Amino acid sequence: MILRQLQDLIGGIYDVSVAHDVYDFLVTDRGHLPAAARSNPSDEALIVAQDSDSVGVSLYLDPQLLERLQRADPMQRLDHANVADYWTALEGVSHFVYFAWNAGHDKRVSLLELELQAEIDKYVASLWLLRRQYPDRFPAELMRLLFERTRIDPRLAGQREEIYRQASHYAEKFCRRLERSLRTAGPGGEREVLAELRRFYRLTDVRKLAHIRSGG
């Protein structure tokens, strides 16, 4: 099941685990979403409901998107035909894992932090997957596809457009530094990048932005 594979991929890269299976929180019927979320045409949405005692979370993914991924499995072959759907599903799983992991450690998560990590996850998880599928080449096209050619749809972003823009900006700076490290690192370079990713994952939103700005 692709969402579970994505959850395992993210968990393996960052050395994090959550006690919940993403499929237990999956919603594929838009009619079951809250009214505010139902009106948004996005194929992916993390729905969080909180009261004084508890937090509830659901992940919506469009059923047709999931059907397309079943027919063209990116875990077997990631290419131009399925990468957009793959990134949409990956973003949803990234949101779920990051929210659940932080909730399990009694840590609050800002929307900017959630979106920043999802953009980084799209790059990193795609890089890891493509290097596994095509071990003789470096997927240099990822930076261009994810950060240079991608545009924010104002219809989907609504009042959050500036947050998405900031998340993409900071994620691009961070991922460019990762790419340089992977290209120039000698033996053991991938282990160093993994260690950097795992440290970064555990920072707060303020410390993540400061880390990116400092170039550290």
C-alpha atoms as a PDB file:
ATOM      1  CA  MET A   1       0.000   0.000   0.000  1.00  0.00           C
ATOM      2  CA  ILE A   2       1.671   3.160  -1.222  1.00  0.00           C
ATOM      3  CA  LEU A   3       0.808   5.485   1.679  1.00  0.00           C
ATOM      4  CA  ARG A   4       2.281   3.037   4.176  1.00  0.00           C
ATOM      5  CA  GLN A   5       5.384   2.766   2.001  1.00  0.00           C
ATOM      6  CA  LEU A   6       5.684   6.555   2.008  1.00  0.00           C
ATOM      7  CA  GLN A   7       5.241   6.617   5.779  1.00  0.00           C
ATOM      8  CA  ASP A   8       8.028   4.032   6.099  1.00  0.00           C
ATOM      9  CA  LEU A   9      10.258   5.963   3.666  1.00  0.00           C
ATOM     10  CA  ILE A  10       9.921   9.209   5.633  1.00  0.00           C
ATOM     11  CA  GLY A  11      10.330   7.385   8.934  1.00  0.00           C
ATOM     12  CA  GLY A  12      13.488   5.669   7.712  1.00  0.00           C
ATOM     13  CA  ILE A  13      15.120   8.834   6.411  1.00  0.00           C
ATOM     14  CA  TYR A  14      14.505  10.810   9.589  1.00  0.00           C
ATOM     15  CA  ASP A  15      14.669   7.913  12.054  1.00  0.00           C
ATOM     16  CA  VAL A  16      11.210   8.701  13.421  1.00  0.00           C
ATOM     17  CA  SER A  17       8.272   6.443  14.084  1.00  0.00           C
ATOM     18  CA  VAL A  18       4.680   7.119  15.000  1.00  0.00           C
ATOM     19  CA  ALA A  19       2.352   4.669  16.674  1.00  0.00           C
ATOM     20  CA  HIS A  20      -0.328   5.103  14.029  1.00  0.00           C
ATOM     21  CA  ASP A  21      -0.877   3.837  10.493  1.00  0.00           C
ATOM     22  CA  VAL A  22      -1.757   6.594   8.035  1.00  0.00           C
ATOM     23  CA  TYR A  23      -4.532   4.437   6.568  1.00  0.00           C
ATOM     24  CA  ASP A  24      -6.397   4.524   9.881  1.00  0.00           C
ATOM     25  CA  PHE A  25      -6.771   8.292   9.412  1.00  0.00           C
ATOM     26  CA  LEU A  26      -7.382   8.392   5.667  1.00  0.00           C
ATOM     27  CA  VAL A  27     -10.542  10.000   4.252  1.00  0.00           C
ATOM     28  CA  THR A  28     -11.300   9.713   0.533  1.00  0.00           C
ATOM     29  CA  ASP A  29     -14.873  11.041   0.478  1.00  0.00           C
ATOM     30  CA  ARG A  30     -14.875  14.831   0.246  1.00  0.00           C
ATOM     31  CA  GLY A  31     -18.410  14.839   1.590  1.00  0.00           C
ATOM     32  CA  HIS A  32     -17.107  13.703   4.970  1.00  0.00           C
ATOM     33  CA  LEU A  33     -14.852  16.731   5.346  1.00  0.00           C
ATOM     34  CA  PRO A  34     -15.764  19.827   7.412  1.00  0.00           C
ATOM     35  CA  ALA A  35     -17.620  22.417   5.341  1.00  0.00           C
ATOM     36  CA  ALA A  36     -14.630  24.789   5.154  1.00  0.00           C
ATOM     37  CA  ALA A  37     -12.374  22.047   3.787  1.00  0.00           C
ATOM     38  CA  ARG A  38     -15.046  20.661   1.462  1.00  0.00           C
ATOM     39  CA  SER A  39     -15.067  23.837  -0.600  1.00  0.00           C
ATOM     40  CA  ASN A  40     -11.317  23.681  -1.300  1.00  0.00           C
ATOM     41  CA  PRO A  41     -10.613  21.804  -4.564  1.00  0.00           C
ATOM     42  CA  SER A  42      -7.243  20.501  -3.352  1.00  0.00           C
ATOM     43  CA  ASP A  43      -6.528  16.770  -3.769  1.00  0.00           C
ATOM     44  CA  GLU A  44      -4.855  16.700  -0.345  1.00  0.00           C
ATOM     45  CA  ALA A  45      -5.658  18.151   3.061  1.00  0.00           C
ATOM     46  CA  LEU A  46      -4.693  17.456   6.656  1.00  0.00           C
ATOM     47  CA  ILE A  47      -7.697  18.149   8.879  1.00  0.00           C
ATOM     48  CA  VAL A  48      -6.965  18.905  12.534  1.00  0.00           C
ATOM     49  CA  ALA A  49      -9.698  19.363  15.130  1.00  0.00           C
ATOM     50  CA  GLN A  50      -8.772  20.322  18.677  1.00  0.00           C
ATOM     51  CA  ASP A  51     -10.682  20.889  21.890  1.00  0.00           C
ATOM     52  CA  SER A  52      -9.472  21.380  25.440  1.00  0.00           C
ATOM     53  CA  ASP A  53      -8.817  17.681  26.024  1.00  0.00           C
ATOM     54  CA  SER A  54      -7.843  16.073  22.724  1.00  0.00           C
ATOM     55  CA  VAL A  55      -6.743  16.496  19.134  1.00  0.00           C
ATOM     56  CA  GLY A  56      -8.287  14.698  16.174  1.00  0.00           C
ATOM     57  CA  VAL A  57      -6.629  14.403  12.771  1.00  0.00           C
ATOM     58  CA  SER A  58      -7.647  13.097   9.349  1.00  0.00           C
ATOM     59  CA  LEU A  59      -5.822  13.019   6.028  1.00  0.00           C
ATOM     60  CA  TYR A  60      -7.891  13.573   2.900  1.00  0.00           C
ATOM     61  CA  LEU A  61      -6.576  12.332  -0.445  1.00  0.00           C
ATOM     62  CA  ASP A  62      -8.562  12.310  -3.648  1.00  0.00           C
ATOM     63  CA  PRO A  63      -9.573   8.718  -4.522  1.00  0.00           C
ATOM     64  CA  GLN A  64      -8.786   9.161  -8.213  1.00  0.00           C
ATOM     65  CA  LEU A  65      -5.271  10.255  -7.317  1.00  0.00           C
ATOM     66  CA  LEU A  66      -4.817   7.074  -5.286  1.00  0.00           C
ATOM     67  CA  GLU A  67      -6.150   4.980  -8.158  1.00  0.00           C
ATOM     68  CA  ARG A  68      -3.646   6.552 -10.553  1.00  0.00           C
ATOM     69  CA  LEU A  69      -0.807   5.792  -8.158  1.00  0.00           C
ATOM     70  CA  GLN A  70      -1.971   2.193  -7.928  1.00  0.00           C
ATOM     71  CA  ARG A  71      -1.755   1.894 -11.716  1.00  0.00           C
ATOM     72  CA  ALA A  72       1.597   3.700 -12.028  1.00  0.00           C
ATOM     73  CA  ASP A  73       3.414   2.871  -8.800  1.00  0.00           C
ATOM     74  CA  PRO A  74       6.141   5.468  -8.144  1.00  0.00           C
ATOM     75  CA  MET A  75       7.791   3.183  -5.611  1.00  0.00           C
ATOM     76  CA  GLN A  76       8.672   0.954  -8.558  1.00  0.00           C
ATOM     77  CA  ARG A  77       9.295   3.670 -11.136  1.00  0.00           C
ATOM     78  CA  LEU A  78       9.105   7.390 -10.433  1.00  0.00           C
ATOM     79  CA  ASP A  79       8.966   9.457 -13.620  1.00  0.00           C
ATOM     80  CA  HIS A  80       7.317  12.449 -15.281  1.00  0.00           C
ATOM     81  CA  ALA A  81       4.004  10.598 -15.637  1.00  0.00           C
ATOM     82  CA  ASN A  82       3.395  10.041 -11.913  1.00  0.00           C
ATOM     83  CA  VAL A  83       5.615  12.549 -10.105  1.00  0.00           C
ATOM     84  CA  ALA A  84       2.865  15.156  -9.579  1.00  0.00           C
ATOM     85  CA  ASP A  85       0.528  12.601  -7.972  1.00  0.00           C
ATOM     86  CA  TYR A  86       3.441  11.175  -5.993  1.00  0.00           C
ATOM     87  CA  TRP A  87       4.279  14.597  -4.571  1.00  0.00           C
ATOM     88  CA  THR A  88       0.661  15.239  -3.610  1.00  0.00           C
ATOM     89  CA  ALA A  89       0.403  11.941  -1.744  1.00  0.00           C
ATOM     90  CA  LEU A  90       3.848  12.413  -0.213  1.00  0.00           C
ATOM     91  CA  GLU A  91       2.910  15.877   1.023  1.00  0.00           C
ATOM     92  CA  GLY A  92      -0.130  14.444   2.779  1.00  0.00           C
ATOM     93  CA  VAL A  93       1.849  11.647   4.408  1.00  0.00           C
ATOM     94  CA  SER A  94       4.571  14.116   5.379  1.00  0.00           C
ATOM     95  CA  HIS A  95       1.991  16.314   7.091  1.00  0.00           C
ATOM     96  CA  PHE A  96       0.528  13.316   8.903  1.00  0.00           C
ATOM     97  CA  VAL A  97       3.868  11.909  10.101  1.00  0.00           C
ATOM     98  CA  TYR A  98       5.253  15.270  11.180  1.00  0.00           C
ATOM     99  CA  PHE A  99       2.097  16.257  13.032  1.00  0.00           C
ATOM    100  CA  ALA A 100       1.751  12.847  14.710  1.00  0.00           C
ATOM    101  CA  TRP A 101       5.421  12.664  15.712  1.00  0.00           C
ATOM    102  CA  ASN A 102       5.380  16.139  17.243  1.00  0.00           C
ATOM    103  CA  ALA A 103       2.062  15.488  18.987  1.00  0.00           C
ATOM    104  CA  GLY A 104       3.602  12.343  20.463  1.00  0.00           C
ATOM    105  CA  HIS A 105       6.350  14.534  21.939  1.00  0.00           C
ATOM    106  CA  ASP A 106       3.912  17.218  23.172  1.00  0.00           C
ATOM    107  CA  LYS A 107       5.267  19.726  20.664  1.00  0.00           C
ATOM    108  CA  ARG A 108       3.143  22.300  18.869  1.00  0.00           C
ATOM    109  CA  VAL A 109       3.467  22.626  15.103  1.00  0.00           C
ATOM    110  CA  SER A 110       2.965  25.833  13.119  1.00  0.00           C
ATOM    111  CA  LEU A 111       1.519  25.811   9.604  1.00  0.00           C
ATOM    112  CA  LEU A 112       4.767  27.242   8.203  1.00  0.00           C
ATOM    113  CA  GLU A 113       6.751  24.489   9.903  1.00  0.00           C
ATOM    114  CA  LEU A 114       4.413  21.822   8.534  1.00  0.00           C
ATOM    115  CA  GLU A 115       4.625  23.153   4.974  1.00  0.00           C
ATOM    116  CA  LEU A 116       8.380  23.742   5.124  1.00  0.00           C
ATOM    117  CA  GLN A 117       9.017  20.167   6.211  1.00  0.00           C
ATOM    118  CA  ALA A 118       6.681  18.823   3.514  1.00  0.00           C
ATOM    119  CA  GLU A 119       8.579  20.693   0.789  1.00  0.00           C
ATOM    120  CA  ILE A 120      11.859  19.341   2.088  1.00  0.00           C
ATOM    121  CA  ASP A 121      10.378  15.851   2.340  1.00  0.00           C
ATOM    122  CA  LYS A 122       9.261  15.980  -1.289  1.00  0.00           C
ATOM    123  CA  TYR A 123      12.811  16.704  -2.379  1.00  0.00           C
ATOM    124  CA  VAL A 124      14.574  14.325  -0.006  1.00  0.00           C
ATOM    125  CA  ALA A 125      12.217  11.357  -0.395  1.00  0.00           C
ATOM    126  CA  SER A 126      12.234  11.739  -4.183  1.00  0.00           C
ATOM    127  CA  LEU A 127      16.027  11.946  -4.192  1.00  0.00           C
ATOM    128  CA  TRP A 128      16.362   8.804  -2.084  1.00  0.00           C
ATOM    129  CA  LEU A 129      13.840   6.932  -4.224  1.00  0.00           C
ATOM    130  CA  LEU A 130      15.382   7.957  -7.556  1.00  0.00           C
ATOM    131  CA  ARG A 131      18.907   7.101  -6.418  1.00  0.00           C
ATOM    132  CA  ARG A 132      17.635   3.669  -5.451  1.00  0.00           C
ATOM    133  CA  GLN A 133      15.849   3.194  -8.781  1.00  0.00           C
ATOM    134  CA  TYR A 134      18.615   4.700 -10.919  1.00  0.00           C
ATOM    135  CA  PRO A 135      21.864   4.170  -8.971  1.00  0.00           C
ATOM    136  CA  ASP A 136      24.122   5.306 -11.826  1.00  0.00           C
ATOM    137  CA  ARG A 137      22.793   8.857 -12.095  1.00  0.00           C
ATOM    138  CA  PHE A 138      22.163  11.858  -9.853  1.00  0.00           C
ATOM    139  CA  PRO A 139      18.620  13.286 -10.234  1.00  0.00           C
ATOM    140  CA  ALA A 140      19.718  16.863 -10.885  1.00  0.00           C
ATOM    141  CA  GLU A 141      16.329  17.711 -12.403  1.00  0.00           C
ATOM    142  CA  LEU A 142      14.604  17.559  -8.998  1.00  0.00           C
ATOM    143  CA  MET A 143      15.561  21.073  -7.924  1.00  0.00           C
ATOM    144  CA  ARG A 144      14.253  22.553 -11.158  1.00  0.00           C
ATOM    145  CA  LEU A 145      11.000  20.599 -11.123  1.00  0.00           C
ATOM    146  CA  LEU A 146      10.195  21.138  -7.474  1.00  0.00           C
ATOM    147  CA  PHE A 147      11.311  24.710  -6.892  1.00  0.00           C
ATOM    148  CA  GLU A 148      11.816  26.495 -10.214  1.00  0.00           C
ATOM    149  CA  ARG A 149       8.915  25.201 -12.295  1.00  0.00           C
ATOM    150  CA  THR A 150       6.316  24.729  -9.557  1.00  0.00           C
ATOM    151  CA  ARG A 151       3.811  27.538  -9.041  1.00  0.00           C
ATOM    152  CA  ILE A 152       1.434  28.159  -6.135  1.00  0.00           C
ATOM    153  CA  ASP A 153      -2.206  27.993  -7.188  1.00  0.00           C
ATOM    154  CA  PRO A 154      -4.024  30.924  -5.487  1.00  0.00           C
ATOM    155  CA  ARG A 155      -7.315  28.981  -5.668  1.00  0.00           C
ATOM    156  CA  LEU A 156      -5.854  26.243  -3.469  1.00  0.00           C
ATOM    157  CA  ALA A 157      -3.703  28.433  -1.246  1.00  0.00           C
ATOM    158  CA  GLY A 158      -6.344  31.014  -0.350  1.00  0.00           C
ATOM    159  CA  GLN A 159      -5.171  33.221   2.507  1.00  0.00           C
ATOM    160  CA  ARG A 160      -2.198  30.905   3.118  1.00  0.00           C
ATOM    161  CA  GLU A 161      -0.396  31.790  -0.112  1.00  0.00           C
ATOM    162  CA  GLU A 162       2.359  33.759   1.641  1.00  0.00           C
ATOM    163  CA  ILE A 163       3.003  30.874   4.050  1.00  0.00           C
ATOM    164  CA  TYR A 164       3.380  28.460   1.126  1.00  0.00           C
ATOM    165  CA  ARG A 165       5.675  30.922  -0.616  1.00  0.00           C
ATOM    166  CA  GLN A 166       7.910  31.227   2.451  1.00  0.00           C
ATOM    167  CA  ALA A 167       7.953  27.459   2.938  1.00  0.00           C
ATOM    168  CA  SER A 168       9.064  26.922  -0.659  1.00  0.00           C
ATOM    169  CA  HIS A 169      11.708  29.645  -0.428  1.00  0.00           C
ATOM    170  CA  TYR A 170      13.341  28.285   2.716  1.00  0.00           C
ATOM    171  CA  ALA A 171      13.013  24.669   1.589  1.00  0.00           C
ATOM    172  CA  GLU A 172      14.794  25.499  -1.673  1.00  0.00           C
ATOM    173  CA  LYS A 173      17.711  27.098   0.177  1.00  0.00           C
ATOM    174  CA  PHE A 174      18.005  24.100   2.497  1.00  0.00           C
ATOM    175  CA  CYS A 175      17.732  21.525  -0.302  1.00  0.00           C
ATOM    176  CA  ARG A 176      20.291  23.293  -2.485  1.00  0.00           C
ATOM    177  CA  ARG A 177      22.743  23.008   0.367  1.00  0.00           C
ATOM    178  CA  LEU A 178      21.931  19.328   0.771  1.00  0.00           C
ATOM    179  CA  GLU A 179      22.451  18.735  -2.933  1.00  0.00           C
ATOM    180  CA  ARG A 180      25.858  20.419  -2.866  1.00  0.00           C
ATOM    181  CA  SER A 181      26.841  18.248   0.081  1.00  0.00           C
ATOM    182  CA  LEU A 182      25.758  15.062  -1.665  1.00  0.00           C
ATOM    183  CA  ARG A 183      27.561  15.996  -4.888  1.00  0.00           C
ATOM    184  CA  THR A 184      30.857  16.920  -3.228  1.00  0.00           C
ATOM    185  CA  ALA A 185      30.941  14.554  -0.253  1.00  0.00           C
ATOM    186  CA  GLY A 186      33.315  11.643  -0.341  1.00  0.00           C
ATOM    187  CA  PRO A 187      32.807   8.254   1.324  1.00  0.00           C
ATOM    188  CA  GLY A 188      30.366   8.560   4.186  1.00  0.00           C
ATOM    189  CA  GLY A 189      28.849  11.730   2.744  1.00  0.00           C
ATOM    190  CA  GLU A 190      25.347  10.292   2.645  1.00  0.00           C
ATOM    191  CA  ARG A 191      25.571   9.398   6.332  1.00  0.00           C
ATOM    192  CA  GLU A 192      26.511  12.995   7.129  1.00  0.00           C
ATOM    193  CA  VAL A 193      23.537  14.300   5.142  1.00  0.00           C
ATOM    194  CA  LEU A 194      21.220  11.867   6.944  1.00  0.00           C
ATOM    195  CA  ALA A 195      22.546  13.066  10.295  1.00  0.00           C
ATOM    196  CA  GLU A 196      21.913  16.678   9.219  1.00  0.00           C
ATOM    197  CA  LEU A 197      18.373  15.847   8.098  1.00  0.00           C
ATOM    198  CA  ARG A 198      17.585  14.097  11.366  1.00  0.00           C
ATOM    199  CA  ARG A 199      18.872  16.994  13.444  1.00  0.00           C
ATOM    200  CA  PHE A 200      16.903  19.469  11.358  1.00  0.00           C
ATOM    201  CA  TYR A 201      13.667  17.449  11.627  1.00  0.00           C
ATOM    202  CA  ARG A 202      13.744  17.797  15.403  1.00  0.00           C
ATOM    203  CA  LEU A 203      14.213  21.580  15.490  1.00  0.00           C
ATOM    204  CA  THR A 204      11.383  24.021  16.191  1.00  0.00           C
ATOM    205  CA  ASP A 205      10.126  26.246  13.381  1.00  0.00           C
ATOM    206  CA  VAL A 206      12.083  29.251  14.679  1.00  0.00           C
ATOM    207  CA  ARG A 207      15.314  27.261  14.912  1.00  0.00           C
ATOM    208  CA  LYS A 208      14.747  25.721  11.458  1.00  0.00           C
ATOM    209  CA  LEU A 209      14.466  29.123   9.830  1.00  0.00           C
ATOM    210  CA  ALA A 210      17.480  30.423  11.744  1.00  0.00           C
ATOM    211  CA  HIS A 211      19.479  27.357  10.676  1.00  0.00           C
ATOM    212  CA  ILE A 212      18.606  27.908   7.017  1.00  0.00           C
ATOM    213  CA  ARG A 213      19.342  31.649   7.151  1.00  0.00           C
ATOM    214  CA  SER A 214      22.712  31.043   8.768  1.00  0.00           C
ATOM    215  CA  GLY A 215      23.701  28.498   6.155  1.00  0.00           C
ATOM    216  CA  GLY A 216      24.665  26.149   8.989  1.00  0.00           C
END
